Amino acid sequence: MKPLDILICDDSVLIRKKLKDLLEKLGCRVWEAVNGQDGFEVYQKEKPHAVFMDIVMPVMDGLEALKKIKEQDPQAKVIMLSSTGTATKLTEAIKNGAVDFIQKPYDNEQIQRILTKISG
């Protein structure tokens, strides 16, 4: 698997740290954002290969950030991560262009599978 640039967009410091540690162990370069607005700005600047995006965040939620990122870059690979796994949110995320949806707590194999899928 080639090294990937990944943006983690989550308001939980713990989730970001855990995911960042795993991604770096897998050879990825990682950026972090604390809310959807921050995530959108980092995405525009860094153009990562993929984004792990929480749904429920302050300032701008993940679904809104997903829409903005996809407007700017229709090829963007955004994976939604959420503990509120309602069918409505999942449907909305996929409809707005998310490539996948992971329910928290996730396991390392799920993350590795996604990376393999997006590295094509």
PDB file of N, CA and C in Angstrom:
ATOM      1  N   MET A   1       0.847  -1.189   0.000  1.00  0.00           N
ATOM      2  CA  MET A   1       0.000   0.000   0.000  1.00  0.00           C
ATOM      3  C   MET A   1       0.889   1.248   0.000  1.00  0.00           C
ATOM      4  N   LYS A   2       0.597   2.173  -0.904  1.00  0.00           N
ATOM      5  CA  LYS A   2       1.399   3.404  -0.956  1.00  0.00           C
ATOM      6  C   LYS A   2       1.027   4.310   0.223  1.00  0.00           C
ATOM      7  N   PRO A   3       1.972   5.150   0.684  1.00  0.00           N
ATOM      8  CA  PRO A   3       1.671   6.054   1.786  1.00  0.00           C
ATOM      9  C   PRO A   3       0.585   7.052   1.375  1.00  0.00           C
ATOM     10  N   LEU A   4      -0.353   7.279   2.270  1.00  0.00           N
ATOM     11  CA  LEU A   4      -1.462   8.177   1.980  1.00  0.00           C
ATOM     12  C   LEU A   4      -1.419   9.394   2.895  1.00  0.00           C
ATOM     13  N   ASP A   5      -1.926  10.516   2.390  1.00  0.00           N
ATOM     14  CA  ASP A   5      -2.119  11.713   3.212  1.00  0.00           C
ATOM     15  C   ASP A   5      -3.568  11.673   3.683  1.00  0.00           C
ATOM     16  N   ILE A   6      -3.754  11.718   4.990  1.00  0.00           N
ATOM     17  CA  ILE A   6      -5.088  11.569   5.574  1.00  0.00           C
ATOM     18  C   ILE A   6      -5.408  12.737   6.494  1.00  0.00           C
ATOM     19  N   LEU A   7      -6.636  13.222   6.403  1.00  0.00           N
ATOM     20  CA  LEU A   7      -7.131  14.250   7.314  1.00  0.00           C
ATOM     21  C   LEU A   7      -8.129  13.597   8.266  1.00  0.00           C
ATOM     22  N   ILE A   8      -7.916  13.802   9.550  1.00  0.00           N
ATOM     23  CA  ILE A   8      -8.865  13.326  10.564  1.00  0.00           C
ATOM     24  C   ILE A   8      -9.625  14.552  11.057  1.00  0.00           C
ATOM     25  N   CYS A   9     -10.929  14.526  10.914  1.00  0.00           N
ATOM     26  CA  CYS A   9     -11.756  15.651  11.337  1.00  0.00           C
ATOM     27  C   CYS A   9     -12.731  15.155  12.411  1.00  0.00           C
ATOM     28  N   ASP A  10     -12.400  15.450  13.668  1.00  0.00           N
ATOM     29  CA  ASP A  10     -13.211  14.977  14.797  1.00  0.00           C
ATOM     30  C   ASP A  10     -12.992  15.921  15.966  1.00  0.00           C
ATOM     31  N   ASP A  11     -14.059  16.202  16.706  1.00  0.00           N
ATOM     32  CA  ASP A  11     -13.911  17.110  17.849  1.00  0.00           C
ATOM     33  C   ASP A  11     -13.376  16.397  19.093  1.00  0.00           C
ATOM     34  N   SER A  12     -13.253  15.071  19.047  1.00  0.00           N
ATOM     35  CA  SER A  12     -12.716  14.323  20.181  1.00  0.00           C
ATOM     36  C   SER A  12     -11.201  14.160  20.065  1.00  0.00           C
ATOM     37  N   VAL A  13     -10.474  14.721  21.028  1.00  0.00           N
ATOM     38  CA  VAL A  13      -9.016  14.623  21.056  1.00  0.00           C
ATOM     39  C   VAL A  13      -8.609  13.149  21.108  1.00  0.00           C
ATOM     40  N   LEU A  14      -9.318  12.368  21.899  1.00  0.00           N
ATOM     41  CA  LEU A  14      -9.016  10.948  22.079  1.00  0.00           C
ATOM     42  C   LEU A  14      -9.151  10.173  20.757  1.00  0.00           C
ATOM     43  N   ILE A  15     -10.253  10.399  20.060  1.00  0.00           N
ATOM     44  CA  ILE A  15     -10.472   9.716  18.768  1.00  0.00           C
ATOM     45  C   ILE A  15      -9.376  10.115  17.784  1.00  0.00           C
ATOM     46  N   ARG A  16      -9.078  11.425  17.692  1.00  0.00           N
ATOM     47  CA  ARG A  16      -8.033  11.875  16.764  1.00  0.00           C
ATOM     48  C   ARG A  16      -6.696  11.224  17.084  1.00  0.00           C
ATOM     49  N   LYS A  17      -6.335  11.185  18.372  1.00  0.00           N
ATOM     50  CA  LYS A  17      -5.044  10.613  18.753  1.00  0.00           C
ATOM     51  C   LYS A  17      -4.982   9.133  18.408  1.00  0.00           C
ATOM     52  N   LYS A  18      -6.021   8.394  18.757  1.00  0.00           N
ATOM     53  CA  LYS A  18      -6.043   6.945  18.510  1.00  0.00           C
ATOM     54  C   LYS A  18      -5.946   6.652  17.007  1.00  0.00           C
ATOM     55  N   LEU A  19      -6.728   7.380  16.227  1.00  0.00           N
ATOM     56  CA  LEU A  19      -6.731   7.163  14.778  1.00  0.00           C
ATOM     57  C   LEU A  19      -5.409   7.616  14.154  1.00  0.00           C
ATOM     58  N   LYS A  20      -4.888   8.752  14.617  1.00  0.00           N
ATOM     59  CA  LYS A  20      -3.612   9.254  14.099  1.00  0.00           C
ATOM     60  C   LYS A  20      -2.489   8.254  14.372  1.00  0.00           C
ATOM     61  N   ASP A  21      -2.436   7.718  15.590  1.00  0.00           N
ATOM     62  CA  ASP A  21      -1.402   6.734  15.933  1.00  0.00           C
ATOM     63  C   ASP A  21      -1.477   5.531  14.997  1.00  0.00           C
ATOM     64  N   LEU A  22      -2.678   5.031  14.752  1.00  0.00           N
ATOM     65  CA  LEU A  22      -2.855   3.879  13.870  1.00  0.00           C
ATOM     66  C   LEU A  22      -2.438   4.219  12.434  1.00  0.00           C
ATOM     67  N   LEU A  23      -2.911   5.349  11.930  1.00  0.00           N
ATOM     68  CA  LEU A  23      -2.600   5.736  10.549  1.00  0.00           C
ATOM     69  C   LEU A  23      -1.105   5.950  10.341  1.00  0.00           C
ATOM     70  N   GLU A  24      -0.452   6.586  11.319  1.00  0.00           N
ATOM     71  CA  GLU A  24       0.993   6.803  11.192  1.00  0.00           C
ATOM     72  C   GLU A  24       1.747   5.471  11.233  1.00  0.00           C
ATOM     73  N   LYS A  25       1.273   4.538  12.048  1.00  0.00           N
ATOM     74  CA  LYS A  25       1.881   3.211  12.107  1.00  0.00           C
ATOM     75  C   LYS A  25       1.755   2.510  10.747  1.00  0.00           C
ATOM     76  N   LEU A  26       0.686   2.829  10.021  1.00  0.00           N
ATOM     77  CA  LEU A  26       0.454   2.241   8.698  1.00  0.00           C
ATOM     78  C   LEU A  26       1.149   3.042   7.588  1.00  0.00           C
ATOM     79  N   GLY A  27       1.935   4.060   7.982  1.00  0.00           N
ATOM     80  CA  GLY A  27       2.733   4.810   7.012  1.00  0.00           C
ATOM     81  C   GLY A  27       2.062   6.039   6.431  1.00  0.00           C
ATOM     82  N   CYS A  28       0.945   6.455   6.995  1.00  0.00           N
ATOM     83  CA  CYS A  28       0.241   7.631   6.469  1.00  0.00           C
ATOM     84  C   CYS A  28       0.805   8.918   7.058  1.00  0.00           C
ATOM     85  N   ARG A  29       0.616  10.002   6.307  1.00  0.00           N
ATOM     86  CA  ARG A  29       0.901  11.335   6.816  1.00  0.00           C
ATOM     87  C   ARG A  29      -0.453  11.899   7.231  1.00  0.00           C
ATOM     88  N   VAL A  30      -0.542  12.477   8.430  1.00  0.00           N
ATOM     89  CA  VAL A  30      -1.842  12.826   8.998  1.00  0.00           C
ATOM     90  C   VAL A  30      -1.953  14.303   9.362  1.00  0.00           C
ATOM     91  N   TRP A  31      -3.103  14.887   9.010  1.00  0.00           N
ATOM     92  CA  TRP A  31      -3.484  16.223   9.476  1.00  0.00           C
ATOM     93  C   TRP A  31      -4.699  16.065  10.357  1.00  0.00           C
ATOM     94  N   GLU A  32      -4.902  17.030  11.258  1.00  0.00           N
ATOM     95  CA  GLU A  32      -6.048  16.970  12.153  1.00  0.00           C
ATOM     96  C   GLU A  32      -6.869  18.250  12.066  1.00  0.00           C
ATOM     97  N   ALA A  33      -8.175  18.096  12.271  1.00  0.00           N
ATOM     98  CA  ALA A  33      -9.082  19.235  12.330  1.00  0.00           C
ATOM     99  C   ALA A  33     -10.093  18.962  13.444  1.00  0.00           C
ATOM    100  N   VAL A  34     -10.510  20.044  14.130  1.00  0.00           N
ATOM    101  CA  VAL A  34     -11.368  19.873  15.312  1.00  0.00           C
ATOM    102  C   VAL A  34     -12.856  20.072  15.036  1.00  0.00           C
ATOM    103  N   ASN A  35     -13.207  20.556  13.841  1.00  0.00           N
ATOM    104  CA  ASN A  35     -14.613  20.690  13.472  1.00  0.00           C
ATOM    105  C   ASN A  35     -14.702  20.746  11.945  1.00  0.00           C
ATOM    106  N   GLY A  36     -15.923  20.760  11.433  1.00  0.00           N
ATOM    107  CA  GLY A  36     -16.113  20.718   9.986  1.00  0.00           C
ATOM    108  C   GLY A  36     -15.526  21.906   9.239  1.00  0.00           C
ATOM    109  N   GLN A  37     -15.628  23.092   9.832  1.00  0.00           N
ATOM    110  CA  GLN A  37     -15.077  24.292   9.180  1.00  0.00           C
ATOM    111  C   GLN A  37     -13.562  24.177   9.067  1.00  0.00           C
ATOM    112  N   ASP A  38     -12.938  23.811  10.172  1.00  0.00           N
ATOM    113  CA  ASP A  38     -11.495  23.602  10.225  1.00  0.00           C
ATOM    114  C   ASP A  38     -11.097  22.516   9.211  1.00  0.00           C
ATOM    115  N   GLY A  39     -11.872  21.435   9.181  1.00  0.00           N
ATOM    116  CA  GLY A  39     -11.606  20.324   8.261  1.00  0.00           C
ATOM    117  C   GLY A  39     -11.666  20.759   6.806  1.00  0.00           C
ATOM    118  N   PHE A  40     -12.670  21.566   6.478  1.00  0.00           N
ATOM    119  CA  PHE A  40     -12.821  22.063   5.108  1.00  0.00           C
ATOM    120  C   PHE A  40     -11.607  22.917   4.718  1.00  0.00           C
ATOM    121  N   GLU A  41     -11.171  23.776   5.637  1.00  0.00           N
ATOM    122  CA  GLU A  41     -10.022  24.645   5.360  1.00  0.00           C
ATOM    123  C   GLU A  41      -8.732  23.837   5.193  1.00  0.00           C
ATOM    124  N   VAL A  42      -8.522  22.854   6.058  1.00  0.00           N
ATOM    125  CA  VAL A  42      -7.328  22.006   5.948  1.00  0.00           C
ATOM    126  C   VAL A  42      -7.380  21.213   4.636  1.00  0.00           C
ATOM    127  N   TYR A  43      -8.568  20.713   4.276  1.00  0.00           N
ATOM    128  CA  TYR A  43      -8.699  19.952   3.031  1.00  0.00           C
ATOM    129  C   TYR A  43      -8.298  20.812   1.828  1.00  0.00           C
ATOM    130  N   GLN A  44      -8.786  22.041   1.787  1.00  0.00           N
ATOM    131  CA  GLN A  44      -8.468  22.934   0.664  1.00  0.00           C
ATOM    132  C   GLN A  44      -6.974  23.175   0.548  1.00  0.00           C
ATOM    133  N   LYS A  45      -6.325  23.321   1.696  1.00  0.00           N
ATOM    134  CA  LYS A  45      -4.904  23.644   1.711  1.00  0.00           C
ATOM    135  C   LYS A  45      -4.033  22.421   1.397  1.00  0.00           C
ATOM    136  N   GLU A  46      -4.357  21.274   1.992  1.00  0.00           N
ATOM    137  CA  GLU A  46      -3.481  20.101   1.906  1.00  0.00           C
ATOM    138  C   GLU A  46      -3.879  19.075   0.845  1.00  0.00           C
ATOM    139  N   LYS A  47      -5.127  19.068   0.425  1.00  0.00           N
ATOM    140  CA  LYS A  47      -5.634  18.094  -0.559  1.00  0.00           C
ATOM    141  C   LYS A  47      -5.217  16.643  -0.216  1.00  0.00           C
ATOM    142  N   PRO A  48      -5.617  16.142   0.959  1.00  0.00           N
ATOM    143  CA  PRO A  48      -5.239  14.773   1.329  1.00  0.00           C
ATOM    144  C   PRO A  48      -5.929  13.733   0.440  1.00  0.00           C
ATOM    145  N   HIS A  49      -5.409  12.503   0.474  1.00  0.00           N
ATOM    146  CA  HIS A  49      -6.009  11.415  -0.303  1.00  0.00           C
ATOM    147  C   HIS A  49      -7.387  11.048   0.240  1.00  0.00           C
ATOM    148  N   ALA A  50      -7.571  11.199   1.563  1.00  0.00           N
ATOM    149  CA  ALA A  50      -8.853  10.823   2.172  1.00  0.00           C
ATOM    150  C   ALA A  50      -9.072  11.586   3.468  1.00  0.00           C
ATOM    151  N   VAL A  51     -10.342  11.612   3.883  1.00  0.00           N
ATOM    152  CA  VAL A  51     -10.733  12.285   5.116  1.00  0.00           C
ATOM    153  C   VAL A  51     -11.570  11.331   5.955  1.00  0.00           C
ATOM    154  N   PHE A  52     -11.221  11.202   7.234  1.00  0.00           N
ATOM    155  CA  PHE A  52     -12.078  10.508   8.189  1.00  0.00           C
ATOM    156  C   PHE A  52     -12.836  11.610   8.909  1.00  0.00           C
ATOM    157  N   MET A  53     -14.156  11.664   8.724  1.00  0.00           N
ATOM    158  CA  MET A  53     -14.974  12.790   9.171  1.00  0.00           C
ATOM    159  C   MET A  53     -16.036  12.356  10.168  1.00  0.00           C
ATOM    160  N   ASP A  54     -15.980  12.947  11.369  1.00  0.00           N
ATOM    161  CA  ASP A  54     -17.040  12.739  12.354  1.00  0.00           C
ATOM    162  C   ASP A  54     -18.288  13.459  11.851  1.00  0.00           C
ATOM    163  N   ILE A  55     -19.461  13.047  12.330  1.00  0.00           N
ATOM    164  CA  ILE A  55     -20.681  13.733  11.903  1.00  0.00           C
ATOM    165  C   ILE A  55     -21.057  14.854  12.870  1.00  0.00           C
ATOM    166  N   VAL A  56     -21.102  14.520  14.163  1.00  0.00           N
ATOM    167  CA  VAL A  56     -21.550  15.510  15.146  1.00  0.00           C
ATOM    168  C   VAL A  56     -20.355  16.290  15.689  1.00  0.00           C
ATOM    169  N   MET A  57     -20.257  17.567  15.268  1.00  0.00           N
ATOM    170  CA  MET A  57     -19.163  18.447  15.712  1.00  0.00           C
ATOM    171  C   MET A  57     -19.687  19.863  15.852  1.00  0.00           C
ATOM    172  N   PRO A  58     -18.995  20.671  16.669  1.00  0.00           N
ATOM    173  CA  PRO A  58     -19.395  22.081  16.773  1.00  0.00           C
ATOM    174  C   PRO A  58     -18.985  22.868  15.527  1.00  0.00           C
ATOM    175  N   VAL A  59     -19.443  24.095  15.433  1.00  0.00           N
ATOM    176  CA  VAL A  59     -19.164  25.058  14.358  1.00  0.00           C
ATOM    177  C   VAL A  59     -19.799  24.615  13.034  1.00  0.00           C
ATOM    178  N   MET A  60     -19.340  23.498  12.472  1.00  0.00           N
ATOM    179  CA  MET A  60     -19.936  22.939  11.253  1.00  0.00           C
ATOM    180  C   MET A  60     -19.895  21.429  11.396  1.00  0.00           C
ATOM    181  N   ASP A  61     -21.040  20.768  11.203  1.00  0.00           N
ATOM    182  CA  ASP A  61     -21.033  19.311  11.365  1.00  0.00           C
ATOM    183  C   ASP A  61     -20.407  18.614  10.156  1.00  0.00           C
ATOM    184  N   GLY A  62     -20.198  17.327  10.294  1.00  0.00           N
ATOM    185  CA  GLY A  62     -19.513  16.561   9.263  1.00  0.00           C
ATOM    186  C   GLY A  62     -20.257  16.477   7.947  1.00  0.00           C
ATOM    187  N   LEU A  63     -21.592  16.440   8.010  1.00  0.00           N
ATOM    188  CA  LEU A  63     -22.361  16.354   6.767  1.00  0.00           C
ATOM    189  C   LEU A  63     -22.225  17.646   5.955  1.00  0.00           C
ATOM    190  N   GLU A  64     -22.242  18.776   6.644  1.00  0.00           N
ATOM    191  CA  GLU A  64     -22.070  20.064   5.969  1.00  0.00           C
ATOM    192  C   GLU A  64     -20.657  20.179   5.379  1.00  0.00           C
ATOM    193  N   ALA A  65     -19.662  19.748   6.168  1.00  0.00           N
ATOM    194  CA  ALA A  65     -18.273  19.783   5.689  1.00  0.00           C
ATOM    195  C   ALA A  65     -18.101  18.858   4.484  1.00  0.00           C
ATOM    196  N   LEU A  66     -18.731  17.696   4.534  1.00  0.00           N
ATOM    197  CA  LEU A  66     -18.689  16.746   3.409  1.00  0.00           C
ATOM    198  C   LEU A  66     -19.220  17.412   2.142  1.00  0.00           C
ATOM    199  N   LYS A  67     -20.371  18.078   2.252  1.00  0.00           N
ATOM    200  CA  LYS A  67     -20.962  18.755   1.087  1.00  0.00           C
ATOM    201  C   LYS A  67     -20.004  19.804   0.527  1.00  0.00           C
ATOM    202  N   LYS A  68     -19.414  20.618   1.409  1.00  0.00           N
ATOM    203  CA  LYS A  68     -18.499  21.676   0.956  1.00  0.00           C
ATOM    204  C   LYS A  68     -17.254  21.094   0.285  1.00  0.00           C
ATOM    205  N   ILE A  69     -16.702  20.038   0.868  1.00  0.00           N
ATOM    206  CA  ILE A  69     -15.506  19.404   0.284  1.00  0.00           C
ATOM    207  C   ILE A  69     -15.843  18.830  -1.094  1.00  0.00           C
ATOM    208  N   LYS A  70     -16.981  18.145  -1.207  1.00  0.00           N
ATOM    209  CA  LYS A  70     -17.359  17.529  -2.485  1.00  0.00           C
ATOM    210  C   LYS A  70     -17.677  18.581  -3.558  1.00  0.00           C
ATOM    211  N   GLU A  71     -18.184  19.752  -3.130  1.00  0.00           N
ATOM    212  CA  GLU A  71     -18.416  20.842  -4.095  1.00  0.00           C
ATOM    213  C   GLU A  71     -17.086  21.306  -4.683  1.00  0.00           C
ATOM    214  N   GLN A  72     -16.064  21.412  -3.837  1.00  0.00           N
ATOM    215  CA  GLN A  72     -14.736  21.865  -4.259  1.00  0.00           C
ATOM    216  C   GLN A  72     -13.988  20.784  -5.036  1.00  0.00           C
ATOM    217  N   ASP A  73     -14.174  19.527  -4.593  1.00  0.00           N
ATOM    218  CA  ASP A  73     -13.432  18.415  -5.178  1.00  0.00           C
ATOM    219  C   ASP A  73     -14.336  17.188  -5.259  1.00  0.00           C
ATOM    220  N   PRO A  74     -15.017  17.016  -6.390  1.00  0.00           N
ATOM    221  CA  PRO A  74     -15.942  15.883  -6.547  1.00  0.00           C
ATOM    222  C   PRO A  74     -15.258  14.515  -6.373  1.00  0.00           C
ATOM    223  N   GLN A  75     -13.928  14.471  -6.538  1.00  0.00           N
ATOM    224  CA  GLN A  75     -13.187  13.208  -6.395  1.00  0.00           C
ATOM    225  C   GLN A  75     -12.785  12.919  -4.943  1.00  0.00           C
ATOM    226  N   ALA A  76     -13.078  13.824  -4.025  1.00  0.00           N
ATOM    227  CA  ALA A  76     -12.660  13.661  -2.627  1.00  0.00           C
ATOM    228  C   ALA A  76     -13.199  12.358  -2.040  1.00  0.00           C
ATOM    229  N   LYS A  77     -12.336  11.689  -1.277  1.00  0.00           N
ATOM    230  CA  LYS A  77     -12.734  10.438  -0.618  1.00  0.00           C
ATOM    231  C   LYS A  77     -12.944  10.742   0.866  1.00  0.00           C
ATOM    232  N   VAL A  78     -14.211  10.825   1.258  1.00  0.00           N
ATOM    233  CA  VAL A  78     -14.557  11.146   2.634  1.00  0.00           C
ATOM    234  C   VAL A  78     -15.232   9.938   3.267  1.00  0.00           C
ATOM    235  N   ILE A  79     -14.690   9.500   4.399  1.00  0.00           N
ATOM    236  CA  ILE A  79     -15.235   8.374   5.144  1.00  0.00           C
ATOM    237  C   ILE A  79     -15.851   8.946   6.412  1.00  0.00           C
ATOM    238  N   MET A  80     -17.131   8.726   6.601  1.00  0.00           N
ATOM    239  CA  MET A  80     -17.800   9.243   7.784  1.00  0.00           C
ATOM    240  C   MET A  80     -17.572   8.286   8.957  1.00  0.00           C
ATOM    241  N   LEU A  81     -17.263   8.863  10.109  1.00  0.00           N
ATOM    242  CA  LEU A  81     -17.079   8.113  11.352  1.00  0.00           C
ATOM    243  C   LEU A  81     -18.097   8.662  12.332  1.00  0.00           C
ATOM    244  N   SER A  82     -18.933   7.807  12.889  1.00  0.00           N
ATOM    245  CA  SER A  82     -19.877   8.363  13.849  1.00  0.00           C
ATOM    246  C   SER A  82     -20.358   7.344  14.854  1.00  0.00           C
ATOM    247  N   SER A  83     -20.606   7.826  16.064  1.00  0.00           N
ATOM    248  CA  SER A  83     -21.183   6.960  17.082  1.00  0.00           C
ATOM    249  C   SER A  83     -22.704   7.032  17.001  1.00  0.00           C
ATOM    250  N   THR A  84     -23.218   8.071  16.338  1.00  0.00           N
ATOM    251  CA  THR A  84     -24.660   8.171  16.152  1.00  0.00           C
ATOM    252  C   THR A  84     -25.001   7.578  14.796  1.00  0.00           C
ATOM    253  N   GLY A  85     -25.031   6.252  14.737  1.00  0.00           N
ATOM    254  CA  GLY A  85     -25.200   5.573  13.458  1.00  0.00           C
ATOM    255  C   GLY A  85     -26.638   5.448  13.021  1.00  0.00           C
ATOM    256  N   THR A  86     -27.339   6.558  12.903  1.00  0.00           N
ATOM    257  CA  THR A  86     -28.723   6.473  12.450  1.00  0.00           C
ATOM    258  C   THR A  86     -28.757   6.262  10.949  1.00  0.00           C
ATOM    259  N   ALA A  87     -29.761   5.547  10.500  1.00  0.00           N
ATOM    260  CA  ALA A  87     -29.916   5.259   9.074  1.00  0.00           C
ATOM    261  C   ALA A  87     -30.040   6.561   8.275  1.00  0.00           C
ATOM    262  N   THR A  88     -30.697   7.563   8.856  1.00  0.00           N
ATOM    263  CA  THR A  88     -30.879   8.843   8.175  1.00  0.00           C
ATOM    264  C   THR A  88     -29.546   9.509   7.890  1.00  0.00           C
ATOM    265  N   LYS A  89     -28.674   9.559   8.909  1.00  0.00           N
ATOM    266  CA  LYS A  89     -27.349  10.187   8.744  1.00  0.00           C
ATOM    267  C   LYS A  89     -26.529   9.418   7.720  1.00  0.00           C
ATOM    268  N   LEU A  90     -26.583   8.085   7.803  1.00  0.00           N
ATOM    269  CA  LEU A  90     -25.843   7.241   6.869  1.00  0.00           C
ATOM    270  C   LEU A  90     -26.306   7.511   5.438  1.00  0.00           C
ATOM    271  N   THR A  91     -27.613   7.501   5.241  1.00  0.00           N
ATOM    272  CA  THR A  91     -28.176   7.748   3.914  1.00  0.00           C
ATOM    273  C   THR A  91     -27.766   9.117   3.392  1.00  0.00           C
ATOM    274  N   GLU A  92     -27.850  10.130   4.263  1.00  0.00           N
ATOM    275  CA  GLU A  92     -27.491  11.488   3.853  1.00  0.00           C
ATOM    276  C   GLU A  92     -26.010  11.579   3.486  1.00  0.00           C
ATOM    277  N   ALA A  93     -25.166  10.916   4.283  1.00  0.00           N
ATOM    278  CA  ALA A  93     -23.723  10.937   4.018  1.00  0.00           C
ATOM    279  C   ALA A  93     -23.407  10.292   2.664  1.00  0.00           C
ATOM    280  N   ILE A  94     -23.984   9.140   2.403  1.00  0.00           N
ATOM    281  CA  ILE A  94     -23.727   8.434   1.140  1.00  0.00           C
ATOM    282  C   ILE A  94     -24.286   9.250  -0.031  1.00  0.00           C
ATOM    283  N   LYS A  95     -25.491   9.808   0.153  1.00  0.00           N
ATOM    284  CA  LYS A  95     -26.120  10.631  -0.888  1.00  0.00           C
ATOM    285  C   LYS A  95     -25.240  11.841  -1.233  1.00  0.00           C
ATOM    286  N   ASN A  96     -24.550  12.364  -0.231  1.00  0.00           N
ATOM    287  CA  ASN A  96     -23.700  13.543  -0.446  1.00  0.00           C
ATOM    288  C   ASN A  96     -22.274  13.188  -0.850  1.00  0.00           C
ATOM    289  N   GLY A  97     -22.014  11.913  -1.117  1.00  0.00           N
ATOM    290  CA  GLY A  97     -20.730  11.555  -1.693  1.00  0.00           C
ATOM    291  C   GLY A  97     -19.717  10.872  -0.787  1.00  0.00           C
ATOM    292  N   ALA A  98     -20.109  10.520   0.442  1.00  0.00           N
ATOM    293  CA  ALA A  98     -19.165   9.784   1.298  1.00  0.00           C
ATOM    294  C   ALA A  98     -18.883   8.426   0.670  1.00  0.00           C
ATOM    295  N   VAL A  99     -17.626   7.982   0.727  1.00  0.00           N
ATOM    296  CA  VAL A  99     -17.282   6.698   0.121  1.00  0.00           C
ATOM    297  C   VAL A  99     -17.535   5.532   1.079  1.00  0.00           C
ATOM    298  N   ASP A 100     -17.650   5.836   2.374  1.00  0.00           N
ATOM    299  CA  ASP A 100     -17.902   4.782   3.352  1.00  0.00           C
ATOM    300  C   ASP A 100     -18.381   5.385   4.655  1.00  0.00           C
ATOM    301  N   PHE A 101     -18.845   4.520   5.547  1.00  0.00           N
ATOM    302  CA  PHE A 101     -19.385   4.960   6.832  1.00  0.00           C
ATOM    303  C   PHE A 101     -18.940   3.951   7.879  1.00  0.00           C
ATOM    304  N   ILE A 102     -18.250   4.420   8.909  1.00  0.00           N
ATOM    305  CA  ILE A 102     -17.783   3.527   9.969  1.00  0.00           C
ATOM    306  C   ILE A 102     -18.423   3.928  11.283  1.00  0.00           C
ATOM    307  N   GLN A 103     -18.976   2.936  11.956  1.00  0.00           N
ATOM    308  CA  GLN A 103     -19.589   3.142  13.265  1.00  0.00           C
ATOM    309  C   GLN A 103     -18.502   3.119  14.333  1.00  0.00           C
ATOM    310  N   LYS A 104     -18.494   4.124  15.225  1.00  0.00           N
ATOM    311  CA  LYS A 104     -17.574   4.112  16.365  1.00  0.00           C
ATOM    312  C   LYS A 104     -18.184   3.221  17.435  1.00  0.00           C
ATOM    313  N   PRO A 105     -17.420   2.502  18.217  1.00  0.00           N
ATOM    314  CA  PRO A 105     -15.968   2.381  18.085  1.00  0.00           C
ATOM    315  C   PRO A 105     -15.616   1.469  16.905  1.00  0.00           C
ATOM    316  N   TYR A 106     -14.630   1.873  16.142  1.00  0.00           N
ATOM    317  CA  TYR A 106     -14.185   1.100  14.984  1.00  0.00           C
ATOM    318  C   TYR A 106     -13.056   0.171  15.428  1.00  0.00           C
ATOM    319  N   ASP A 107     -12.721  -0.800  14.584  1.00  0.00           N
ATOM    320  CA  ASP A 107     -11.528  -1.599  14.890  1.00  0.00           C
ATOM    321  C   ASP A 107     -10.476  -1.340  13.818  1.00  0.00           C
ATOM    322  N   ASN A 108      -9.243  -1.676  14.141  1.00  0.00           N
ATOM    323  CA  ASN A 108      -8.117  -1.379  13.241  1.00  0.00           C
ATOM    324  C   ASN A 108      -8.275  -2.009  11.863  1.00  0.00           C
ATOM    325  N   GLU A 109      -8.885  -3.202  11.816  1.00  0.00           N
ATOM    326  CA  GLU A 109      -9.061  -3.876  10.524  1.00  0.00           C
ATOM    327  C   GLU A 109      -9.974  -3.059   9.606  1.00  0.00           C
ATOM    328  N   GLN A 110     -11.010  -2.437  10.188  1.00  0.00           N
ATOM    329  CA  GLN A 110     -11.913  -1.611   9.374  1.00  0.00           C
ATOM    330  C   GLN A 110     -11.132  -0.465   8.725  1.00  0.00           C
ATOM    331  N   ILE A 111     -10.270   0.163   9.498  1.00  0.00           N
ATOM    332  CA  ILE A 111      -9.487   1.294   8.992  1.00  0.00           C
ATOM    333  C   ILE A 111      -8.528   0.804   7.903  1.00  0.00           C
ATOM    334  N   GLN A 112      -7.872  -0.324   8.138  1.00  0.00           N
ATOM    335  CA  GLN A 112      -6.943  -0.869   7.139  1.00  0.00           C
ATOM    336  C   GLN A 112      -7.667  -1.230   5.845  1.00  0.00           C
ATOM    337  N   ARG A 113      -8.862  -1.812   5.958  1.00  0.00           N
ATOM    338  CA  ARG A 113      -9.651  -2.166   4.774  1.00  0.00           C
ATOM    339  C   ARG A 113      -9.970  -0.921   3.948  1.00  0.00           C
ATOM    340  N   ILE A 114     -10.376   0.149   4.631  1.00  0.00           N
ATOM    341  CA  ILE A 114     -10.703   1.400   3.946  1.00  0.00           C
ATOM    342  C   ILE A 114      -9.465   1.948   3.228  1.00  0.00           C
ATOM    343  N   LEU A 115      -8.319   1.955   3.921  1.00  0.00           N
ATOM    344  CA  LEU A 115      -7.086   2.474   3.314  1.00  0.00           C
ATOM    345  C   LEU A 115      -6.719   1.680   2.064  1.00  0.00           C
ATOM    346  N   THR A 116      -6.866   0.368   2.138  1.00  0.00           N
ATOM    347  CA  THR A 116      -6.565  -0.492   0.988  1.00  0.00           C
ATOM    348  C   THR A 116      -7.496  -0.136  -0.162  1.00  0.00           C
ATOM    349  N   LYS A 117      -8.777   0.063   0.169  1.00  0.00           N
ATOM    350  CA  LYS A 117      -9.780   0.395  -0.839  1.00  0.00           C
ATOM    351  C   LYS A 117      -9.462   1.747  -1.507  1.00  0.00           C
ATOM    352  N   ILE A 118      -9.126   2.768  -0.711  1.00  0.00           N
ATOM    353  CA  ILE A 118      -8.905   4.090  -1.313  1.00  0.00           C
ATOM    354  C   ILE A 118      -7.545   4.229  -1.990  1.00  0.00           C
ATOM    355  N   SER A 119      -6.585   3.392  -1.593  1.00  0.00           N
ATOM    356  CA  SER A 119      -5.276   3.504  -2.245  1.00  0.00           C
ATOM    357  C   SER A 119      -5.308   2.839  -3.618  1.00  0.00           C
ATOM    358  N   GLY A 120      -6.400   2.089  -3.861  1.00  0.00           N
ATOM    359  CA  GLY A 120      -6.677   1.524  -5.189  1.00  0.00           C
ATOM    360  C   GLY A 120      -5.565   0.669  -5.693  1.00  0.00           C
TER     361      GLY A 120
END
